């Protein structure tokens, strides 16, 4: 790949200006610590003068903000693409110009697709994938190897599901009978994955009991996440590795669940809320609220408790 700095800037309206040679060619991408001539890199807002000064920026192109640009003199012979959010602009450039295209459309011969399942001809179904009865796979979806999609699952356009994930298995719903035995609650619903969702590897998303489990558009679900029956995950929400979302939970748009967070059954997490690392949520989280700890409490309260505990230990 040989792409000019000018072409990269033209592809993103958030790049406000170019400092240096606008026609400098970028052949590859690299982190700042490994940058060489011909590379495209980015310099984050927290980069130290020592890190910038120690980098081999001569002949390279760097995405940075105005404050960082002011630290770099013209003698370094580097082209700067100046923007308010360097990491975001670099990500976009890398995705547009340097990322390999996805797999070609089609169904791998080793995949098993039910006769009444509908797979869009532009979708990719990888080796060992199973697609159950009545399921639908939308345009440009990518289903990586060994994914199991049970019956009555709807997957929208441009959805990516990584290897080993299971979508649409029954959830864990039981009631003890007169003899104390566990009888299973029938799972008659399905799963709906809306457009542009990305799902990591070895994740489980259970089908609904009576209605559907729903993952709204552009949500991001990491590796090894468990999402129980009847959950609704809002638009642009992020659920990170090893998180557990209990049955009938509603997660609001743009919420962020950190690694190993647990949300108990039937709890609501508000829009733009943040659930801290390893937090155990047992009651409603308000819009925009950040909670931490087990049981989870507002972050200011959590920090106050920690400070008080430290004072007691030091007394």
C-alpha atoms as a PDB file:
ATOM      1  CA  UNK A   1       0.000   0.000   0.000  1.00  0.00           C
ATOM      2  CA  UNK A   2       1.219   3.458  -0.940  1.00  0.00           C
ATOM      3  CA  UNK A   3      -1.233   6.132   0.150  1.00  0.00           C
ATOM      4  CA  UNK A   4      -0.453   9.827   0.455  1.00  0.00           C
ATOM      5  CA  UNK A   5      -0.926  11.802   3.655  1.00  0.00           C
ATOM      6  CA  UNK A   6      -3.227  14.100   1.682  1.00  0.00           C
ATOM      7  CA  UNK A   7      -5.473  11.172   0.700  1.00  0.00           C
ATOM      8  CA  UNK A   8      -5.688   9.999   4.317  1.00  0.00           C
ATOM      9  CA  UNK A   9      -6.630  13.509   5.454  1.00  0.00           C
ATOM     10  CA  UNK A  10      -9.246  13.801   2.709  1.00  0.00           C
ATOM     11  CA  UNK A  11     -10.903  10.588   3.906  1.00  0.00           C
ATOM     12  CA  UNK A  12     -11.668  11.973   7.387  1.00  0.00           C
ATOM     13  CA  UNK A  13     -13.245  15.382   7.904  1.00  0.00           C
ATOM     14  CA  UNK A  14     -12.055  15.391  11.528  1.00  0.00           C
ATOM     15  CA  UNK A  15      -8.445  15.828  10.391  1.00  0.00           C
ATOM     16  CA  UNK A  16      -8.222  19.597  10.507  1.00  0.00           C
ATOM     17  CA  UNK A  17      -4.876  20.259   8.863  1.00  0.00           C
ATOM     18  CA  UNK A  18      -1.651  18.801   7.478  1.00  0.00           C
ATOM     19  CA  UNK A  19       1.763  19.997   8.642  1.00  0.00           C
ATOM     20  CA  UNK A  20       4.671  18.999   6.419  1.00  0.00           C
ATOM     21  CA  UNK A  21       4.763  17.161   3.108  1.00  0.00           C
ATOM     22  CA  UNK A  22       1.157  16.377   2.150  1.00  0.00           C
ATOM     23  CA  UNK A  23       2.297  14.047  -0.631  1.00  0.00           C
ATOM     24  CA  UNK A  24       4.430  11.856   1.624  1.00  0.00           C
ATOM     25  CA  UNK A  25       3.576   8.217   0.990  1.00  0.00           C
ATOM     26  CA  UNK A  26       2.577   5.758   3.712  1.00  0.00           C
ATOM     27  CA  UNK A  27       3.402   2.117   2.990  1.00  0.00           C
ATOM     28  CA  UNK A  28       2.532   0.513   6.319  1.00  0.00           C
ATOM     29  CA  UNK A  29       1.328   1.263   9.856  1.00  0.00           C
ATOM     30  CA  UNK A  30       3.215   0.955  13.125  1.00  0.00           C
ATOM     31  CA  UNK A  31       3.197   2.001  16.792  1.00  0.00           C
ATOM     32  CA  UNK A  32       5.214   5.058  17.742  1.00  0.00           C
ATOM     33  CA  UNK A  33       7.912   2.943  19.384  1.00  0.00           C
ATOM     34  CA  UNK A  34       8.606   1.105  16.107  1.00  0.00           C
ATOM     35  CA  UNK A  35       7.952   3.827  13.537  1.00  0.00           C
ATOM     36  CA  UNK A  36      10.225   4.159  10.517  1.00  0.00           C
ATOM     37  CA  UNK A  37      10.239   6.198   7.309  1.00  0.00           C
ATOM     38  CA  UNK A  38       7.172   5.409   5.212  1.00  0.00           C
ATOM     39  CA  UNK A  39       5.045   4.371   8.200  1.00  0.00           C
ATOM     40  CA  UNK A  40       1.778   5.844   9.428  1.00  0.00           C
ATOM     41  CA  UNK A  41       1.581   6.087  13.221  1.00  0.00           C
ATOM     42  CA  UNK A  42      -0.308   8.038  15.866  1.00  0.00           C
ATOM     43  CA  UNK A  43       0.862   9.976  18.886  1.00  0.00           C
ATOM     44  CA  UNK A  44      -1.616   9.960  21.755  1.00  0.00           C
ATOM     45  CA  UNK A  45      -2.311  12.943  23.973  1.00  0.00           C
ATOM     46  CA  UNK A  46      -0.452  11.298  26.885  1.00  0.00           C
ATOM     47  CA  UNK A  47       2.764  10.723  24.943  1.00  0.00           C
ATOM     48  CA  UNK A  48       5.757  12.174  26.776  1.00  0.00           C
ATOM     49  CA  UNK A  49       8.347  14.432  25.147  1.00  0.00           C
ATOM     50  CA  UNK A  50      10.876  11.639  25.774  1.00  0.00           C
ATOM     51  CA  UNK A  51       8.762   9.113  23.847  1.00  0.00           C
ATOM     52  CA  UNK A  52       8.274  11.525  20.975  1.00  0.00           C
ATOM     53  CA  UNK A  53      11.916  12.547  20.931  1.00  0.00           C
ATOM     54  CA  UNK A  54      13.072   8.931  20.983  1.00  0.00           C
ATOM     55  CA  UNK A  55      10.912   7.874  18.047  1.00  0.00           C
ATOM     56  CA  UNK A  56      12.363   7.660  14.517  1.00  0.00           C
ATOM     57  CA  UNK A  57       9.830  10.009  12.960  1.00  0.00           C
ATOM     58  CA  UNK A  58      11.930  11.170  10.000  1.00  0.00           C
ATOM     59  CA  UNK A  59      10.120  10.269   6.787  1.00  0.00           C
ATOM     60  CA  UNK A  60       6.997   9.067   8.604  1.00  0.00           C
ATOM     61  CA  UNK A  61       3.446  10.390   8.885  1.00  0.00           C
ATOM     62  CA  UNK A  62       1.914  10.796  12.348  1.00  0.00           C
ATOM     63  CA  UNK A  63      -1.631  11.504  13.466  1.00  0.00           C
ATOM     64  CA  UNK A  64      -1.704  13.762  16.532  1.00  0.00           C
ATOM     65  CA  UNK A  65      -3.542  16.619  18.226  1.00  0.00           C
ATOM     66  CA  UNK A  66      -2.516  20.290  18.271  1.00  0.00           C
ATOM     67  CA  UNK A  67      -0.715  20.057  21.614  1.00  0.00           C
ATOM     68  CA  UNK A  68       1.471  17.204  20.380  1.00  0.00           C
ATOM     69  CA  UNK A  69       2.063  18.914  17.041  1.00  0.00           C
ATOM     70  CA  UNK A  70       3.467  21.913  18.916  1.00  0.00           C
ATOM     71  CA  UNK A  71       6.091  19.620  20.492  1.00  0.00           C
ATOM     72  CA  UNK A  72       7.436  18.429  17.133  1.00  0.00           C
ATOM     73  CA  UNK A  73       9.844  20.692  15.295  1.00  0.00           C
ATOM     74  CA  UNK A  74      10.205  20.943  11.479  1.00  0.00           C
ATOM     75  CA  UNK A  75      13.729  19.539  11.702  1.00  0.00           C
ATOM     76  CA  UNK A  76      12.250  16.089  12.345  1.00  0.00           C
ATOM     77  CA  UNK A  77      10.969  15.879   8.733  1.00  0.00           C
ATOM     78  CA  UNK A  78       7.658  14.268   9.654  1.00  0.00           C
ATOM     79  CA  UNK A  79       4.208  14.864   8.159  1.00  0.00           C
ATOM     80  CA  UNK A  80       1.555  15.536  10.788  1.00  0.00           C
ATOM     81  CA  UNK A  81      -2.166  14.924  10.380  1.00  0.00           C
ATOM     82  CA  UNK A  82      -3.646  17.106  13.098  1.00  0.00           C
ATOM     83  CA  UNK A  83      -6.995  16.239  14.683  1.00  0.00           C
ATOM     84  CA  UNK A  84      -8.762  16.438  18.029  1.00  0.00           C
ATOM     85  CA  UNK A  85      -8.795  12.640  18.488  1.00  0.00           C
ATOM     86  CA  UNK A  86      -5.622  11.081  17.122  1.00  0.00           C
ATOM     87  CA  UNK A  87      -6.455   7.496  18.047  1.00  0.00           C
ATOM     88  CA  UNK A  88      -9.852   7.653  16.351  1.00  0.00           C
ATOM     89  CA  UNK A  89      -8.451   9.210  13.170  1.00  0.00           C
ATOM     90  CA  UNK A  90      -5.626   6.650  13.064  1.00  0.00           C
ATOM     91  CA  UNK A  91      -8.102   3.795  13.532  1.00  0.00           C
ATOM     92  CA  UNK A  92     -10.182   5.051  10.648  1.00  0.00           C
ATOM     93  CA  UNK A  93      -7.169   5.392   8.375  1.00  0.00           C
ATOM     94  CA  UNK A  94      -5.905   1.928   9.297  1.00  0.00           C
ATOM     95  CA  UNK A  95      -9.318   0.390   8.687  1.00  0.00           C
ATOM     96  CA  UNK A  96      -9.846   2.209   5.381  1.00  0.00           C
ATOM     97  CA  UNK A  97      -6.426   1.781   3.786  1.00  0.00           C
ATOM     98  CA  UNK A  98      -4.483  -0.973   5.547  1.00  0.00           C
ATOM     99  CA  UNK A  99      -6.947  -3.597   6.797  1.00  0.00           C
ATOM    100  CA  UNK A 100      -7.370  -6.811   4.818  1.00  0.00           C
ATOM    101  CA  UNK A 101     -10.785  -7.340   3.309  1.00  0.00           C
ATOM    102  CA  UNK A 102     -13.034  -9.896   4.930  1.00  0.00           C
ATOM    103  CA  UNK A 103     -13.536 -13.415   3.591  1.00  0.00           C
ATOM    104  CA  UNK A 104     -15.303 -13.915   0.287  1.00  0.00           C
ATOM    105  CA  UNK A 105     -19.048 -14.494   0.417  1.00  0.00           C
ATOM    106  CA  UNK A 106     -20.305 -18.046   0.427  1.00  0.00           C
ATOM    107  CA  UNK A 107     -21.038 -21.078   2.569  1.00  0.00           C
ATOM    108  CA  UNK A 108     -18.119 -23.373   3.383  1.00  0.00           C
ATOM    109  CA  UNK A 109     -18.722 -27.002   2.348  1.00  0.00           C
ATOM    110  CA  UNK A 110     -18.329 -28.195   5.946  1.00  0.00           C
ATOM    111  CA  UNK A 111     -21.025 -25.849   7.271  1.00  0.00           C
ATOM    112  CA  UNK A 112     -24.459 -27.301   8.111  1.00  0.00           C
ATOM    113  CA  UNK A 113     -27.339 -25.013   7.166  1.00  0.00           C
ATOM    114  CA  UNK A 114     -30.952 -26.022   7.781  1.00  0.00           C
ATOM    115  CA  UNK A 115     -33.063 -26.348   4.660  1.00  0.00           C
ATOM    116  CA  UNK A 116     -35.406 -23.540   5.703  1.00  0.00           C
ATOM    117  CA  UNK A 117     -32.678 -21.182   6.968  1.00  0.00           C
ATOM    118  CA  UNK A 118     -32.111 -18.087   4.824  1.00  0.00           C
ATOM    119  CA  UNK A 119     -28.524 -17.000   4.193  1.00  0.00           C
ATOM    120  CA  UNK A 120     -28.014 -13.830   2.165  1.00  0.00           C
ATOM    121  CA  UNK A 121     -25.762 -14.527  -0.829  1.00  0.00           C
ATOM    122  CA  UNK A 122     -23.349 -11.793   0.276  1.00  0.00           C
ATOM    123  CA  UNK A 123     -22.804 -13.393   3.714  1.00  0.00           C
ATOM    124  CA  UNK A 124     -19.854 -15.610   4.660  1.00  0.00           C
ATOM    125  CA  UNK A 125     -20.482 -18.855   6.559  1.00  0.00           C
ATOM    126  CA  UNK A 126     -17.190 -20.409   7.686  1.00  0.00           C
ATOM    127  CA  UNK A 127     -16.010 -23.984   8.266  1.00  0.00           C
ATOM    128  CA  UNK A 128     -17.946 -26.013  10.808  1.00  0.00           C
ATOM    129  CA  UNK A 129     -20.707 -23.435  11.267  1.00  0.00           C
ATOM    130  CA  UNK A 130     -24.213 -24.688  12.104  1.00  0.00           C
ATOM    131  CA  UNK A 131     -27.267 -22.610  11.178  1.00  0.00           C
ATOM    132  CA  UNK A 132     -30.524 -23.890  12.620  1.00  0.00           C
ATOM    133  CA  UNK A 133     -34.051 -24.090  11.288  1.00  0.00           C
ATOM    134  CA  UNK A 134     -35.813 -20.824  10.562  1.00  0.00           C
ATOM    135  CA  UNK A 135     -32.715 -18.711  11.147  1.00  0.00           C
ATOM    136  CA  UNK A 136     -31.767 -15.811   8.901  1.00  0.00           C
ATOM    137  CA  UNK A 137     -28.305 -14.432   8.133  1.00  0.00           C
ATOM    138  CA  UNK A 138     -28.266 -10.914   6.683  1.00  0.00           C
ATOM    139  CA  UNK A 139     -26.249  -9.174   3.967  1.00  0.00           C
ATOM    140  CA  UNK A 140     -22.461  -9.055   4.358  1.00  0.00           C
ATOM    141  CA  UNK A 141     -22.582 -10.902   7.674  1.00  0.00           C
ATOM    142  CA  UNK A 142     -19.421 -12.818   8.597  1.00  0.00           C
ATOM    143  CA  UNK A 143     -19.858 -15.996  10.624  1.00  0.00           C
ATOM    144  CA  UNK A 144     -16.434 -17.358  11.519  1.00  0.00           C
ATOM    145  CA  UNK A 145     -15.575 -21.068  11.995  1.00  0.00           C
ATOM    146  CA  UNK A 146     -17.405 -23.331  14.439  1.00  0.00           C
ATOM    147  CA  UNK A 147     -20.130 -20.875  15.384  1.00  0.00           C
ATOM    148  CA  UNK A 148     -23.417 -22.570  16.334  1.00  0.00           C
ATOM    149  CA  UNK A 149     -26.584 -20.647  15.516  1.00  0.00           C
ATOM    150  CA  UNK A 150     -29.655 -22.444  16.845  1.00  0.00           C
ATOM    151  CA  UNK A 151     -33.198 -22.316  15.450  1.00  0.00           C
ATOM    152  CA  UNK A 152     -35.073 -19.018  14.976  1.00  0.00           C
ATOM    153  CA  UNK A 153     -32.094 -16.685  15.225  1.00  0.00           C
ATOM    154  CA  UNK A 154     -32.069 -13.522  13.125  1.00  0.00           C
ATOM    155  CA  UNK A 155     -28.703 -11.968  12.329  1.00  0.00           C
ATOM    156  CA  UNK A 156     -28.683  -8.587  10.601  1.00  0.00           C
ATOM    157  CA  UNK A 157     -26.519  -6.911   8.015  1.00  0.00           C
ATOM    158  CA  UNK A 158     -22.744  -6.673   8.467  1.00  0.00           C
ATOM    159  CA  UNK A 159     -22.790  -8.581  11.744  1.00  0.00           C
ATOM    160  CA  UNK A 160     -19.504 -10.288  12.668  1.00  0.00           C
ATOM    161  CA  UNK A 161     -19.574 -13.390  14.879  1.00  0.00           C
ATOM    162  CA  UNK A 162     -16.200 -14.831  15.860  1.00  0.00           C
ATOM    163  CA  UNK A 163     -15.237 -18.471  16.234  1.00  0.00           C
ATOM    164  CA  UNK A 164     -16.789 -20.777  18.782  1.00  0.00           C
ATOM    165  CA  UNK A 165     -19.711 -18.568  19.763  1.00  0.00           C
ATOM    166  CA  UNK A 166     -23.133 -20.113  20.457  1.00  0.00           C
ATOM    167  CA  UNK A 167     -26.283 -18.104  19.735  1.00  0.00           C
ATOM    168  CA  UNK A 168     -29.775 -19.268  20.591  1.00  0.00           C
ATOM    169  CA  UNK A 169     -29.272 -22.113  23.065  1.00  0.00           C
ATOM    170  CA  UNK A 170     -31.852 -22.398  25.848  1.00  0.00           C
ATOM    171  CA  UNK A 171     -31.220 -20.280  28.903  1.00  0.00           C
ATOM    172  CA  UNK A 172     -31.084 -21.511  32.489  1.00  0.00           C
ATOM    173  CA  UNK A 173     -34.718 -21.372  33.586  1.00  0.00           C
ATOM    174  CA  UNK A 174     -36.142 -23.931  36.015  1.00  0.00           C
ATOM    175  CA  UNK A 175     -38.882 -24.277  38.648  1.00  0.00           C
ATOM    176  CA  UNK A 176     -38.944 -26.870  41.414  1.00  0.00           C
ATOM    177  CA  UNK A 177     -41.969 -29.138  41.333  1.00  0.00           C
ATOM    178  CA  UNK A 178     -43.824 -30.862  44.147  1.00  0.00           C
ATOM    179  CA  UNK A 179     -41.056 -33.427  44.490  1.00  0.00           C
ATOM    180  CA  UNK A 180     -38.319 -30.801  44.651  1.00  0.00           C
ATOM    181  CA  UNK A 181     -37.144 -31.640  41.164  1.00  0.00           C
ATOM    182  CA  UNK A 182     -36.150 -28.949  38.663  1.00  0.00           C
ATOM    183  CA  UNK A 183     -38.546 -28.640  35.745  1.00  0.00           C
ATOM    184  CA  UNK A 184     -37.380 -26.653  32.739  1.00  0.00           C
ATOM    185  CA  UNK A 185     -39.131 -23.475  31.602  1.00  0.00           C
ATOM    186  CA  UNK A 186     -39.772 -23.784  27.849  1.00  0.00           C
ATOM    187  CA  UNK A 187     -37.741 -21.411  25.705  1.00  0.00           C
ATOM    188  CA  UNK A 188     -40.055 -20.501  22.852  1.00  0.00           C
ATOM    189  CA  UNK A 189     -38.471 -17.206  21.843  1.00  0.00           C
ATOM    190  CA  UNK A 190     -35.511 -16.502  19.626  1.00  0.00           C
ATOM    191  CA  UNK A 191     -32.546 -14.177  19.313  1.00  0.00           C
ATOM    192  CA  UNK A 192     -32.405 -11.016  17.218  1.00  0.00           C
ATOM    193  CA  UNK A 193     -28.993  -9.549  16.402  1.00  0.00           C
ATOM    194  CA  UNK A 194     -29.456  -6.194  14.697  1.00  0.00           C
ATOM    195  CA  UNK A 195     -27.216  -4.625  12.049  1.00  0.00           C
ATOM    196  CA  UNK A 196     -23.500  -3.896  12.524  1.00  0.00           C
ATOM    197  CA  UNK A 197     -23.091  -5.818  15.771  1.00  0.00           C
ATOM    198  CA  UNK A 198     -19.732  -7.476  16.529  1.00  0.00           C
ATOM    199  CA  UNK A 199     -19.550 -10.542  18.770  1.00  0.00           C
ATOM    200  CA  UNK A 200     -16.308 -12.081  20.039  1.00  0.00           C
ATOM    201  CA  UNK A 201     -15.228 -15.701  20.287  1.00  0.00           C
ATOM    202  CA  UNK A 202     -16.616 -18.329  22.686  1.00  0.00           C
ATOM    203  CA  UNK A 203     -19.505 -16.129  23.749  1.00  0.00           C
ATOM    204  CA  UNK A 204     -22.985 -17.454  24.619  1.00  0.00           C
ATOM    205  CA  UNK A 205     -26.217 -15.608  23.856  1.00  0.00           C
ATOM    206  CA  UNK A 206     -29.319 -17.479  25.040  1.00  0.00           C
ATOM    207  CA  UNK A 207     -32.682 -17.439  23.326  1.00  0.00           C
ATOM    208  CA  UNK A 208     -35.676 -15.819  25.010  1.00  0.00           C
ATOM    209  CA  UNK A 209     -38.263 -17.744  26.967  1.00  0.00           C
ATOM    210  CA  UNK A 210     -41.437 -16.266  25.469  1.00  0.00           C
ATOM    211  CA  UNK A 211     -40.103 -13.196  23.661  1.00  0.00           C
ATOM    212  CA  UNK A 212     -36.695 -12.656  22.045  1.00  0.00           C
ATOM    213  CA  UNK A 213     -33.255 -11.851  23.361  1.00  0.00           C
ATOM    214  CA  UNK A 214     -32.245  -8.712  21.435  1.00  0.00           C
ATOM    215  CA  UNK A 215     -28.851  -7.191  20.679  1.00  0.00           C
ATOM    216  CA  UNK A 216     -29.406  -3.720  19.237  1.00  0.00           C
ATOM    217  CA  UNK A 217     -27.447  -2.231  16.370  1.00  0.00           C
ATOM    218  CA  UNK A 218     -23.726  -1.524  16.659  1.00  0.00           C
ATOM    219  CA  UNK A 219     -23.399  -3.168  20.074  1.00  0.00           C
ATOM    220  CA  UNK A 220     -19.991  -4.708  20.787  1.00  0.00           C
ATOM    221  CA  UNK A 221     -19.759  -7.962  22.715  1.00  0.00           C
ATOM    222  CA  UNK A 222     -16.305  -9.278  23.590  1.00  0.00           C
ATOM    223  CA  UNK A 223     -14.918 -12.799  23.974  1.00  0.00           C
ATOM    224  CA  UNK A 224     -16.230 -15.211  26.638  1.00  0.00           C
ATOM    225  CA  UNK A 225     -19.299 -13.188  27.547  1.00  0.00           C
ATOM    226  CA  UNK A 226     -22.539 -14.787  28.765  1.00  0.00           C
ATOM    227  CA  UNK A 227     -25.845 -13.120  27.895  1.00  0.00           C
ATOM    228  CA  UNK A 228     -28.859 -14.868  29.397  1.00  0.00           C
ATOM    229  CA  UNK A 229     -32.433 -15.227  28.106  1.00  0.00           C
ATOM    230  CA  UNK A 230     -34.668 -12.190  27.460  1.00  0.00           C
ATOM    231  CA  UNK A 231     -31.812  -9.666  27.696  1.00  0.00           C
ATOM    232  CA  UNK A 232     -31.979  -6.477  25.653  1.00  0.00           C
ATOM    233  CA  UNK A 233     -28.626  -4.833  24.896  1.00  0.00           C
ATOM    234  CA  UNK A 234     -28.956  -1.238  23.690  1.00  0.00           C
ATOM    235  CA  UNK A 235     -27.442   0.483  20.692  1.00  0.00           C
ATOM    236  CA  UNK A 236     -23.667   1.064  20.816  1.00  0.00           C
ATOM    237  CA  UNK A 237     -23.326  -0.683  24.178  1.00  0.00           C
ATOM    238  CA  UNK A 238     -20.068  -2.509  24.966  1.00  0.00           C
ATOM    239  CA  UNK A 239     -19.853  -5.706  27.032  1.00  0.00           C
ATOM    240  CA  UNK A 240     -16.274  -6.767  27.744  1.00  0.00           C
ATOM    241  CA  UNK A 241     -14.624 -10.142  28.293  1.00  0.00           C
ATOM    242  CA  UNK A 242     -16.034 -12.546  30.900  1.00  0.00           C
ATOM    243  CA  UNK A 243     -18.962 -10.317  31.789  1.00  0.00           C
ATOM    244  CA  UNK A 244     -22.183 -12.101  32.826  1.00  0.00           C
ATOM    245  CA  UNK A 245     -25.559 -10.556  32.060  1.00  0.00           C
ATOM    246  CA  UNK A 246     -28.439 -12.231  33.882  1.00  0.00           C
ATOM    247  CA  UNK A 247     -31.896 -13.022  32.573  1.00  0.00           C
ATOM    248  CA  UNK A 248     -34.272 -10.210  31.523  1.00  0.00           C
ATOM    249  CA  UNK A 249     -31.639  -7.509  32.058  1.00  0.00           C
ATOM    250  CA  UNK A 250     -32.034  -4.334  30.013  1.00  0.00           C
ATOM    251  CA  UNK A 251     -28.806  -2.547  29.137  1.00  0.00           C
ATOM    252  CA  UNK A 252     -29.192   1.001  27.864  1.00  0.00           C
ATOM    253  CA  UNK A 253     -27.614   2.570  24.789  1.00  0.00           C
ATOM    254  CA  UNK A 254     -23.872   3.250  24.993  1.00  0.00           C
ATOM    255  CA  UNK A 255     -23.510   1.532  28.367  1.00  0.00           C
ATOM    256  CA  UNK A 256     -20.075   0.061  29.157  1.00  0.00           C
ATOM    257  CA  UNK A 257     -19.652  -3.183  31.110  1.00  0.00           C
ATOM    258  CA  UNK A 258     -16.020  -3.725  32.092  1.00  0.00           C
ATOM    259  CA  UNK A 259     -14.350  -7.169  32.203  1.00  0.00           C
ATOM    260  CA  UNK A 260     -15.837  -9.723  34.627  1.00  0.00           C
ATOM    261  CA  UNK A 261     -18.784  -7.480  35.550  1.00  0.00           C
ATOM    262  CA  UNK A 262     -21.946  -9.277  36.680  1.00  0.00           C
ATOM    263  CA  UNK A 263     -25.471  -7.917  36.282  1.00  0.00           C
ATOM    264  CA  UNK A 264     -28.080  -9.863  38.219  1.00  0.00           C
ATOM    265  CA  UNK A 265     -31.437 -10.963  36.777  1.00  0.00           C
ATOM    266  CA  UNK A 266     -34.061  -8.333  35.936  1.00  0.00           C
ATOM    267  CA  UNK A 267     -31.814  -5.348  36.695  1.00  0.00           C
ATOM    268  CA  UNK A 268     -31.785  -2.312  34.395  1.00  0.00           C
ATOM    269  CA  UNK A 269     -28.552  -0.550  33.418  1.00  0.00           C
ATOM    270  CA  UNK A 270     -29.151   2.967  32.131  1.00  0.00           C
ATOM    271  CA  UNK A 271     -27.953   4.699  29.015  1.00  0.00           C
ATOM    272  CA  UNK A 272     -24.300   5.806  29.108  1.00  0.00           C
ATOM    273  CA  UNK A 273     -23.752   3.980  32.395  1.00  0.00           C
ATOM    274  CA  UNK A 274     -20.397   2.424  33.278  1.00  0.00           C
ATOM    275  CA  UNK A 275     -20.078  -0.822  35.243  1.00  0.00           C
ATOM    276  CA  UNK A 276     -16.593  -1.141  36.734  1.00  0.00           C
ATOM    277  CA  UNK A 277     -14.149  -4.025  36.574  1.00  0.00           C
ATOM    278  CA  UNK A 278     -15.541  -7.066  38.405  1.00  0.00           C
ATOM    279  CA  UNK A 279     -18.550  -5.162  39.751  1.00  0.00           C
ATOM    280  CA  UNK A 280     -21.637  -7.103  40.862  1.00  0.00           C
ATOM    281  CA  UNK A 281     -24.771  -5.122  40.022  1.00  0.00           C
ATOM    282  CA  UNK A 282     -27.801  -6.052  42.113  1.00  0.00           C
ATOM    283  CA  UNK A 283     -29.985  -2.966  41.646  1.00  0.00           C
ATOM    284  CA  UNK A 284     -30.817  -0.434  38.944  1.00  0.00           C
ATOM    285  CA  UNK A 285     -28.005   1.717  37.549  1.00  0.00           C
ATOM    286  CA  UNK A 286     -29.139   5.181  36.488  1.00  0.00           C
ATOM    287  CA  UNK A 287     -28.409   6.848  33.167  1.00  0.00           C
ATOM    288  CA  UNK A 288     -24.832   8.103  33.062  1.00  0.00           C
ATOM    289  CA  UNK A 289     -23.955   6.562  36.430  1.00  0.00           C
ATOM    290  CA  UNK A 290     -20.675   4.785  37.168  1.00  0.00           C
ATOM    291  CA  UNK A 291     -20.771   1.968  39.723  1.00  0.00           C
ATOM    292  CA  UNK A 292     -17.986  -0.126  41.226  1.00  0.00           C
ATOM    293  CA  UNK A 293     -17.472  -2.942  43.721  1.00  0.00           C
ATOM    294  CA  UNK A 294     -19.468  -5.898  45.031  1.00  0.00           C
ATOM    295  CA  UNK A 295     -22.252  -5.141  45.543  1.00  0.00           C
ATOM    296  CA  UNK A 296     -21.888  -2.269  43.095  1.00  0.00           C
ATOM    297  CA  UNK A 297     -22.294   1.254  44.435  1.00  0.00           C
ATOM    298  CA  UNK A 298     -21.728   4.699  42.874  1.00  0.00           C
ATOM    299  CA  UNK A 299     -18.051   5.382  42.236  1.00  0.00           C
ATOM    300  CA  UNK A 300     -17.836   8.361  44.626  1.00  0.00           C
ATOM    301  CA  UNK A 301     -19.266   6.251  47.439  1.00  0.00           C
ATOM    302  CA  UNK A 302     -16.934   3.360  46.572  1.00  0.00           C
ATOM    303  CA  UNK A 303     -13.882   5.613  46.691  1.00  0.00           C
ATOM    304  CA  UNK A 304     -15.022   7.148  49.993  1.00  0.00           C
ATOM    305  CA  UNK A 305     -15.376   3.665  51.501  1.00  0.00           C
ATOM    306  CA  UNK A 306     -11.909   2.710  50.311  1.00  0.00           C
ATOM    307  CA  UNK A 307     -10.439   5.894  51.745  1.00  0.00           C
ATOM    308  CA  UNK A 308     -12.146   5.325  55.095  1.00  0.00           C
ATOM    309  CA  UNK A 309     -10.981   1.703  55.210  1.00  0.00           C
ATOM    310  CA  UNK A 310      -7.422   2.758  54.454  1.00  0.00           C
ATOM    311  CA  UNK A 311      -7.556   5.326  57.244  1.00  0.00           C
ATOM    312  CA  UNK A 312      -8.770   2.665  59.701  1.00  0.00           C
ATOM    313  CA  UNK A 313      -5.987   0.293  58.690  1.00  0.00           C
ATOM    314  CA  UNK A 314      -3.384   3.000  59.124  1.00  0.00           C
ATOM    315  CA  UNK A 315      -4.737   4.192  62.481  1.00  0.00           C
END
